[in-house]
Amino acid sequence: MRLFALASASGTSAGGIAGAIVIGVVLMALWLLPIAVAYHRRVRGIGMIVTVTLLLGWTLIGWVVALAMSFTSNVKPD
C-alpha cells in the first residue's frame, strides 16, 4: 500500500504542482495575517508588527506574538 503517489515518468503531475501552489499561497496568507490585521485596524507601530512577522513569524511563538500585537487597542483615530 502506497501512502504517496509517485510522479509519472514524464515528471510531476500538474495536479500536484497546482496543489503545492495553492497550499503555498494559503500558508503565505496565514503567515502575513498579523500584518493584514494591523493594517486593517490601523494599529500604531505597524512597523514593529511587520518586523516581528517577517523575522520571527516562521516560528509559532513569533507568529502568535505578532498576531497579539496586531489586536492591541493602540489604534489611530478616524
PDB file of N, CA and C in Angstrom:
ATOM      1  N   MET A   1       0.846  -1.186   0.000  1.00  0.00           N
ATOM      2  CA  MET A   1       0.000   0.000   0.000  1.00  0.00           C
ATOM      3  C   MET A   1       0.882   1.237   0.000  1.00  0.00           C
ATOM      4  N   ARG A   2       0.647   2.111  -0.944  1.00  0.00           N
ATOM      5  CA  ARG A   2       1.430   3.342  -1.019  1.00  0.00           C
ATOM      6  C   ARG A   2       0.726   4.462  -0.269  1.00  0.00           C
ATOM      7  N   LEU A   3       1.506   5.221   0.466  1.00  0.00           N
ATOM      8  CA  LEU A   3       0.946   6.376   1.147  1.00  0.00           C
ATOM      9  C   LEU A   3       0.953   7.602   0.251  1.00  0.00           C
ATOM     10  N   PHE A   4       1.929   7.704  -0.618  1.00  0.00           N
ATOM     11  CA  PHE A   4       2.048   8.833  -1.521  1.00  0.00           C
ATOM     12  C   PHE A   4       2.155   8.321  -2.949  1.00  0.00           C
ATOM     13  N   ALA A   5       1.468   8.986  -3.857  1.00  0.00           N
ATOM     14  CA  ALA A   5       1.558   8.598  -5.259  1.00  0.00           C
ATOM     15  C   ALA A   5       2.877   9.093  -5.826  1.00  0.00           C
ATOM     16  N   LEU A   6       3.522   8.244  -6.613  1.00  0.00           N
ATOM     17  CA  LEU A   6       4.772   8.637  -7.241  1.00  0.00           C
ATOM     18  C   LEU A   6       4.494   9.457  -8.482  1.00  0.00           C
ATOM     19  N   ALA A   7       5.424  10.320  -8.841  1.00  0.00           N
ATOM     20  CA  ALA A   7       5.276  11.127 -10.040  1.00  0.00           C
ATOM     21  C   ALA A   7       5.344  10.224 -11.260  1.00  0.00           C
ATOM     22  N   SER A   8       4.702  10.664 -12.330  1.00  0.00           N
ATOM     23  CA  SER A   8       4.726   9.878 -13.553  1.00  0.00           C
ATOM     24  C   SER A   8       6.109   9.918 -14.174  1.00  0.00           C
ATOM     25  N   ALA A   9       6.337   9.111 -15.187  1.00  0.00           N
ATOM     26  CA  ALA A   9       7.652   9.030 -15.816  1.00  0.00           C
ATOM     27  C   ALA A   9       8.043  10.341 -16.486  1.00  0.00           C
ATOM     28  N   SER A  10       7.063  11.137 -16.910  1.00  0.00           N
ATOM     29  CA  SER A  10       7.373  12.389 -17.597  1.00  0.00           C
ATOM     30  C   SER A  10       7.645  13.526 -16.626  1.00  0.00           C
ATOM     31  N   GLY A  11       7.524  13.333 -15.367  1.00  0.00           N
ATOM     32  CA  GLY A  11       7.751  14.388 -14.373  1.00  0.00           C
ATOM     33  C   GLY A  11       6.615  14.435 -13.379  1.00  0.00           C
ATOM     34  N   THR A  12       6.495  15.540 -12.696  1.00  0.00           N
ATOM     35  CA  THR A  12       5.444  15.682 -11.693  1.00  0.00           C
ATOM     36  C   THR A  12       4.120  15.975 -12.376  1.00  0.00           C
ATOM     37  N   SER A  13       3.057  15.593 -11.745  1.00  0.00           N
ATOM     38  CA  SER A  13       1.731  15.810 -12.315  1.00  0.00           C
ATOM     39  C   SER A  13       1.322  17.266 -12.150  1.00  0.00           C
ATOM     40  N   ALA A  14       0.484  17.751 -13.055  1.00  0.00           N
ATOM     41  CA  ALA A  14       0.020  19.132 -12.999  1.00  0.00           C
ATOM     42  C   ALA A  14      -0.825  19.356 -11.754  1.00  0.00           C
ATOM     43  N   GLY A  15      -1.591  18.354 -11.356  1.00  0.00           N
ATOM     44  CA  GLY A  15      -2.402  18.485 -10.159  1.00  0.00           C
ATOM     45  C   GLY A  15      -1.563  18.632  -8.905  1.00  0.00           C
ATOM     46  N   GLY A  16      -0.435  17.934  -8.872  1.00  0.00           N
ATOM     47  CA  GLY A  16       0.450  18.041  -7.726  1.00  0.00           C
ATOM     48  C   GLY A  16       1.097  19.403  -7.628  1.00  0.00           C
ATOM     49  N   ILE A  17       1.469  19.961  -8.771  1.00  0.00           N
ATOM     50  CA  ILE A  17       2.066  21.296  -8.780  1.00  0.00           C
ATOM     51  C   ILE A  17       1.038  22.341  -8.389  1.00  0.00           C
ATOM     52  N   ALA A  18      -0.164  22.238  -8.943  1.00  0.00           N
ATOM     53  CA  ALA A  18      -1.226  23.188  -8.618  1.00  0.00           C
ATOM     54  C   ALA A  18      -1.582  23.110  -7.137  1.00  0.00           C
ATOM     55  N   GLY A  19      -1.639  21.901  -6.609  1.00  0.00           N
ATOM     56  CA  GLY A  19      -1.933  21.742  -5.185  1.00  0.00           C
ATOM     57  C   GLY A  19      -0.852  22.344  -4.309  1.00  0.00           C
ATOM     58  N   ALA A  20       0.393  22.176  -4.710  1.00  0.00           N
ATOM     59  CA  ALA A  20       1.501  22.755  -3.945  1.00  0.00           C
ATOM     60  C   ALA A  20       1.450  24.273  -3.984  1.00  0.00           C
ATOM     61  N   ILE A  21       1.075  24.829  -5.126  1.00  0.00           N
ATOM     62  CA  ILE A  21       0.970  26.287  -5.235  1.00  0.00           C
ATOM     63  C   ILE A  21      -0.156  26.805  -4.354  1.00  0.00           C
ATOM     64  N   VAL A  22      -1.291  26.132  -4.366  1.00  0.00           N
ATOM     65  CA  VAL A  22      -2.427  26.549  -3.526  1.00  0.00           C
ATOM     66  C   VAL A  22      -2.049  26.485  -2.055  1.00  0.00           C
ATOM     67  N   ILE A  23      -1.421  25.412  -1.648  1.00  0.00           N
ATOM     68  CA  ILE A  23      -1.000  25.279  -0.251  1.00  0.00           C
ATOM     69  C   ILE A  23       0.005  26.372   0.103  1.00  0.00           C
ATOM     70  N   GLY A  24       0.928  26.660  -0.804  1.00  0.00           N
ATOM     71  CA  GLY A  24       1.906  27.711  -0.558  1.00  0.00           C
ATOM     72  C   GLY A  24       1.268  29.082  -0.399  1.00  0.00           C
ATOM     73  N   VAL A  25       0.283  29.381  -1.243  1.00  0.00           N
ATOM     74  CA  VAL A  25      -0.406  30.671  -1.154  1.00  0.00           C
ATOM     75  C   VAL A  25      -1.184  30.775   0.155  1.00  0.00           C
ATOM     76  N   VAL A  26      -1.855  29.711   0.554  1.00  0.00           N
ATOM     77  CA  VAL A  26      -2.607  29.719   1.813  1.00  0.00           C
ATOM     78  C   VAL A  26      -1.667  29.903   3.000  1.00  0.00           C
ATOM     79  N   LEU A  27      -0.543  29.195   3.006  1.00  0.00           N
ATOM     80  CA  LEU A  27       0.421  29.341   4.103  1.00  0.00           C
ATOM     81  C   LEU A  27       1.019  30.742   4.140  1.00  0.00           C
ATOM     82  N   MET A  28       1.295  31.333   2.983  1.00  0.00           N
ATOM     83  CA  MET A  28       1.822  32.693   2.928  1.00  0.00           C
ATOM     84  C   MET A  28       0.795  33.686   3.477  1.00  0.00           C
ATOM     85  N   ALA A  29      -0.477  33.489   3.124  1.00  0.00           N
ATOM     86  CA  ALA A  29      -1.532  34.366   3.628  1.00  0.00           C
ATOM     87  C   ALA A  29      -1.656  34.260   5.144  1.00  0.00           C
ATOM     88  N   LEU A  30      -1.577  33.054   5.672  1.00  0.00           N
ATOM     89  CA  LEU A  30      -1.625  32.884   7.130  1.00  0.00           C
ATOM     90  C   LEU A  30      -0.412  33.510   7.800  1.00  0.00           C
ATOM     91  N   TRP A  31       0.762  33.370   7.169  1.00  0.00           N
ATOM     92  CA  TRP A  31       1.986  33.936   7.731  1.00  0.00           C
ATOM     93  C   TRP A  31       1.885  35.461   7.809  1.00  0.00           C
ATOM     94  N   LEU A  32       1.274  36.092   6.811  1.00  0.00           N
ATOM     95  CA  LEU A  32       1.166  37.544   6.767  1.00  0.00           C
ATOM     96  C   LEU A  32      -0.110  38.074   7.407  1.00  0.00           C
ATOM     97  N   LEU A  33      -0.911  37.213   7.997  1.00  0.00           N
ATOM     98  CA  LEU A  33      -2.167  37.625   8.630  1.00  0.00           C
ATOM     99  C   LEU A  33      -1.988  38.713   9.691  1.00  0.00           C
ATOM    100  N   PRO A  34      -0.992  38.651  10.586  1.00  0.00           N
ATOM    101  CA  PRO A  34      -0.847  39.730  11.568  1.00  0.00           C
ATOM    102  C   PRO A  34      -0.650  41.107  10.929  1.00  0.00           C
ATOM    103  N   ILE A  35       0.067  41.175   9.810  1.00  0.00           N
ATOM    104  CA  ILE A  35       0.273  42.455   9.125  1.00  0.00           C
ATOM    105  C   ILE A  35      -1.046  42.954   8.553  1.00  0.00           C
ATOM    106  N   ALA A  36      -1.820  42.068   7.946  1.00  0.00           N
ATOM    107  CA  ALA A  36      -3.105  42.459   7.372  1.00  0.00           C
ATOM    108  C   ALA A  36      -4.076  42.938   8.441  1.00  0.00           C
ATOM    109  N   VAL A  37      -4.106  42.264   9.573  1.00  0.00           N
ATOM    110  CA  VAL A  37      -4.990  42.675  10.675  1.00  0.00           C
ATOM    111  C   VAL A  37      -4.578  44.040  11.207  1.00  0.00           C
ATOM    112  N   ALA A  38      -3.287  44.238  11.408  1.00  0.00           N
ATOM    113  CA  ALA A  38      -2.798  45.529  11.920  1.00  0.00           C
ATOM    114  C   ALA A  38      -3.089  46.651  10.932  1.00  0.00           C
ATOM    115  N   TYR A  39      -2.901  46.394   9.656  1.00  0.00           N
ATOM    116  CA  TYR A  39      -3.177  47.411   8.640  1.00  0.00           C
ATOM    117  C   TYR A  39      -4.667  47.747   8.608  1.00  0.00           C
ATOM    118  N   HIS A  40      -5.515  46.731   8.655  1.00  0.00           N
ATOM    119  CA  HIS A  40      -6.963  46.948   8.615  1.00  0.00           C
ATOM    120  C   HIS A  40      -7.451  47.701   9.845  1.00  0.00           C
ATOM    121  N   ARG A  41      -6.862  47.407  11.003  1.00  0.00           N
ATOM    122  CA  ARG A  41      -7.275  48.059  12.242  1.00  0.00           C
ATOM    123  C   ARG A  41      -6.588  49.401  12.457  1.00  0.00           C
ATOM    124  N   ARG A  42      -5.621  49.743  11.587  1.00  0.00           N
ATOM    125  CA  ARG A  42      -4.860  50.992  11.672  1.00  0.00           C
ATOM    126  C   ARG A  42      -4.108  51.100  12.998  1.00  0.00           C
ATOM    127  N   VAL A  43      -3.392  50.042  13.338  1.00  0.00           N
ATOM    128  CA  VAL A  43      -2.638  49.980  14.585  1.00  0.00           C
ATOM    129  C   VAL A  43      -1.394  50.855  14.484  1.00  0.00           C
ATOM    130  N   ARG A  44      -1.128  51.613  15.540  1.00  0.00           N
ATOM    131  CA  ARG A  44       0.117  52.383  15.599  1.00  0.00           C
ATOM    132  C   ARG A  44       1.268  51.416  15.820  1.00  0.00           C
ATOM    133  N   GLY A  45       2.409  51.736  15.273  1.00  0.00           N
ATOM    134  CA  GLY A  45       3.559  50.855  15.430  1.00  0.00           C
ATOM    135  C   GLY A  45       3.477  49.627  14.553  1.00  0.00           C
ATOM    136  N   ILE A  46       2.889  49.777  13.374  1.00  0.00           N
ATOM    137  CA  ILE A  46       2.755  48.630  12.476  1.00  0.00           C
ATOM    138  C   ILE A  46       4.128  48.147  12.013  1.00  0.00           C
ATOM    139  N   GLY A  47       5.106  49.042  12.037  1.00  0.00           N
ATOM    140  CA  GLY A  47       6.459  48.641  11.643  1.00  0.00           C
ATOM    141  C   GLY A  47       7.016  47.545  12.528  1.00  0.00           C
ATOM    142  N   MET A  48       6.733  47.608  13.813  1.00  0.00           N
ATOM    143  CA  MET A  48       7.194  46.566  14.732  1.00  0.00           C
ATOM    144  C   MET A  48       6.492  45.241  14.444  1.00  0.00           C
ATOM    145  N   ILE A  49       5.220  45.307  14.101  1.00  0.00           N
ATOM    146  CA  ILE A  49       4.475  44.095  13.779  1.00  0.00           C
ATOM    147  C   ILE A  49       5.022  43.472  12.495  1.00  0.00           C
ATOM    148  N   VAL A  50       5.326  44.305  11.514  1.00  0.00           N
ATOM    149  CA  VAL A  50       5.912  43.810  10.265  1.00  0.00           C
ATOM    150  C   VAL A  50       7.262  43.157  10.543  1.00  0.00           C
ATOM    151  N   THR A  51       8.069  43.801  11.375  1.00  0.00           N
ATOM    152  CA  THR A  51       9.396  43.267  11.698  1.00  0.00           C
ATOM    153  C   THR A  51       9.296  41.924  12.403  1.00  0.00           C
ATOM    154  N   VAL A  52       8.450  41.839  13.411  1.00  0.00           N
ATOM    155  CA  VAL A  52       8.299  40.577  14.153  1.00  0.00           C
ATOM    156  C   VAL A  52       7.757  39.489  13.239  1.00  0.00           C
ATOM    157  N   THR A  53       6.794  39.839  12.391  1.00  0.00           N
ATOM    158  CA  THR A  53       6.218  38.843  11.492  1.00  0.00           C
ATOM    159  C   THR A  53       7.254  38.326  10.494  1.00  0.00           C
ATOM    160  N   LEU A  54       8.012  39.227   9.893  1.00  0.00           N
ATOM    161  CA  LEU A  54       8.971  38.801   8.885  1.00  0.00           C
ATOM    162  C   LEU A  54      10.154  38.047   9.479  1.00  0.00           C
ATOM    163  N   LEU A  55      10.610  38.457  10.664  1.00  0.00           N
ATOM    164  CA  LEU A  55      11.783  37.818  11.256  1.00  0.00           C
ATOM    165  C   LEU A  55      11.455  36.597  12.106  1.00  0.00           C
ATOM    166  N   LEU A  56      10.346  36.648  12.840  1.00  0.00           N
ATOM    167  CA  LEU A  56      10.022  35.557  13.759  1.00  0.00           C
ATOM    168  C   LEU A  56       8.696  34.867  13.450  1.00  0.00           C
ATOM    169  N   GLY A  57       8.006  35.322  12.422  1.00  0.00           N
ATOM    170  CA  GLY A  57       6.699  34.756  12.099  1.00  0.00           C
ATOM    171  C   GLY A  57       6.744  33.308  11.665  1.00  0.00           C
ATOM    172  N   TRP A  58       7.900  32.823  11.245  1.00  0.00           N
ATOM    173  CA  TRP A  58       8.019  31.427  10.831  1.00  0.00           C
ATOM    174  C   TRP A  58       7.966  30.489  12.028  1.00  0.00           C
ATOM    175  N   THR A  59       8.191  31.024  13.237  1.00  0.00           N
ATOM    176  CA  THR A  59       8.018  30.218  14.441  1.00  0.00           C
ATOM    177  C   THR A  59       6.601  30.441  14.959  1.00  0.00           C
ATOM    178  N   LEU A  60       6.041  29.481  15.583  1.00  0.00           N
ATOM    179  CA  LEU A  60       4.675  29.627  16.096  1.00  0.00           C
ATOM    180  C   LEU A  60       4.603  30.711  17.162  1.00  0.00           C
ATOM    181  N   ILE A  61       5.591  30.771  18.027  1.00  0.00           N
ATOM    182  CA  ILE A  61       5.585  31.777  19.097  1.00  0.00           C
ATOM    183  C   ILE A  61       5.686  33.178  18.518  1.00  0.00           C
ATOM    184  N   GLY A  62       6.585  33.388  17.564  1.00  0.00           N
ATOM    185  CA  GLY A  62       6.729  34.701  16.946  1.00  0.00           C
ATOM    186  C   GLY A  62       5.475  35.123  16.216  1.00  0.00           C
ATOM    187  N   TRP A  63       4.819  34.180  15.544  1.00  0.00           N
ATOM    188  CA  TRP A  63       3.593  34.492  14.828  1.00  0.00           C
ATOM    189  C   TRP A  63       2.476  34.864  15.793  1.00  0.00           C
ATOM    190  N   VAL A  64       2.352  34.141  16.896  1.00  0.00           N
ATOM    191  CA  VAL A  64       1.315  34.438  17.890  1.00  0.00           C
ATOM    192  C   VAL A  64       1.573  35.801  18.531  1.00  0.00           C
ATOM    193  N   VAL A  65       2.831  36.118  18.811  1.00  0.00           N
ATOM    194  CA  VAL A  65       3.170  37.430  19.381  1.00  0.00           C
ATOM    195  C   VAL A  65       2.792  38.539  18.408  1.00  0.00           C
ATOM    196  N   ALA A  66       3.126  38.375  17.136  1.00  0.00           N
ATOM    197  CA  ALA A  66       2.788  39.387  16.135  1.00  0.00           C
ATOM    198  C   ALA A  66       1.272  39.531  15.990  1.00  0.00           C
ATOM    199  N   LEU A  67       0.551  38.421  16.029  1.00  0.00           N
ATOM    200  CA  LEU A  67      -0.907  38.485  15.933  1.00  0.00           C
ATOM    201  C   LEU A  67      -1.493  39.189  17.156  1.00  0.00           C
ATOM    202  N   ALA A  68      -0.965  38.899  18.331  1.00  0.00           N
ATOM    203  CA  ALA A  68      -1.438  39.578  19.547  1.00  0.00           C
ATOM    204  C   ALA A  68      -1.143  41.069  19.476  1.00  0.00           C
ATOM    205  N   MET A  69       0.018  41.429  18.948  1.00  0.00           N
ATOM    206  CA  MET A  69       0.358  42.846  18.803  1.00  0.00           C
ATOM    207  C   MET A  69      -0.599  43.540  17.838  1.00  0.00           C
ATOM    208  N   SER A  70      -1.076  42.832  16.834  1.00  0.00           N
ATOM    209  CA  SER A  70      -1.975  43.444  15.855  1.00  0.00           C
ATOM    210  C   SER A  70      -3.373  43.675  16.421  1.00  0.00           C
ATOM    211  N   PHE A  71      -3.709  43.015  17.520  1.00  0.00           N
ATOM    212  CA  PHE A  71      -5.012  43.208  18.146  1.00  0.00           C
ATOM    213  C   PHE A  71      -4.969  44.172  19.328  1.00  0.00           C
ATOM    214  N   THR A  72      -3.891  44.948  19.454  1.00  0.00           N
ATOM    215  CA  THR A  72      -3.813  45.921  20.556  1.00  0.00           C
ATOM    216  C   THR A  72      -4.854  47.015  20.359  1.00  0.00           C
ATOM    217  N   SER A  73      -5.125  47.735  21.427  1.00  0.00           N
ATOM    218  CA  SER A  73      -6.102  48.811  21.352  1.00  0.00           C
ATOM    219  C   SER A  73      -5.469  50.149  20.960  1.00  0.00           C
ATOM    220  N   ASN A  74      -4.182  50.139  20.662  1.00  0.00           N
ATOM    221  CA  ASN A  74      -3.468  51.365  20.277  1.00  0.00           C
ATOM    222  C   ASN A  74      -3.650  51.611  18.786  1.00  0.00           C
ATOM    223  N   VAL A  75      -4.838  52.106  18.428  1.00  0.00           N
ATOM    224  CA  VAL A  75      -5.152  52.349  17.026  1.00  0.00           C
ATOM    225  C   VAL A  75      -5.214  53.844  16.755  1.00  0.00           C
ATOM    226  N   LYS A  76      -5.012  54.217  15.491  1.00  0.00           N
ATOM    227  CA  LYS A  76      -5.093  55.613  15.086  1.00  0.00           C
ATOM    228  C   LYS A  76      -6.563  56.037  15.051  1.00  0.00           C
ATOM    229  N   PRO A  77      -6.862  57.237  15.532  1.00  0.00           N
ATOM    230  CA  PRO A  77      -8.270  57.677  15.486  1.00  0.00           C
ATOM    231  C   PRO A  77      -8.693  57.951  14.043  1.00  0.00           C
ATOM    232  N   ASP A  78      -9.984  57.804  13.787  1.00  0.00           N
ATOM    233  CA  ASP A  78     -10.508  58.036  12.427  1.00  0.00           C
ATOM    234  C   ASP A  78     -10.539  59.482  12.072  1.00  0.00           C
TER     235      ASP A  78
END
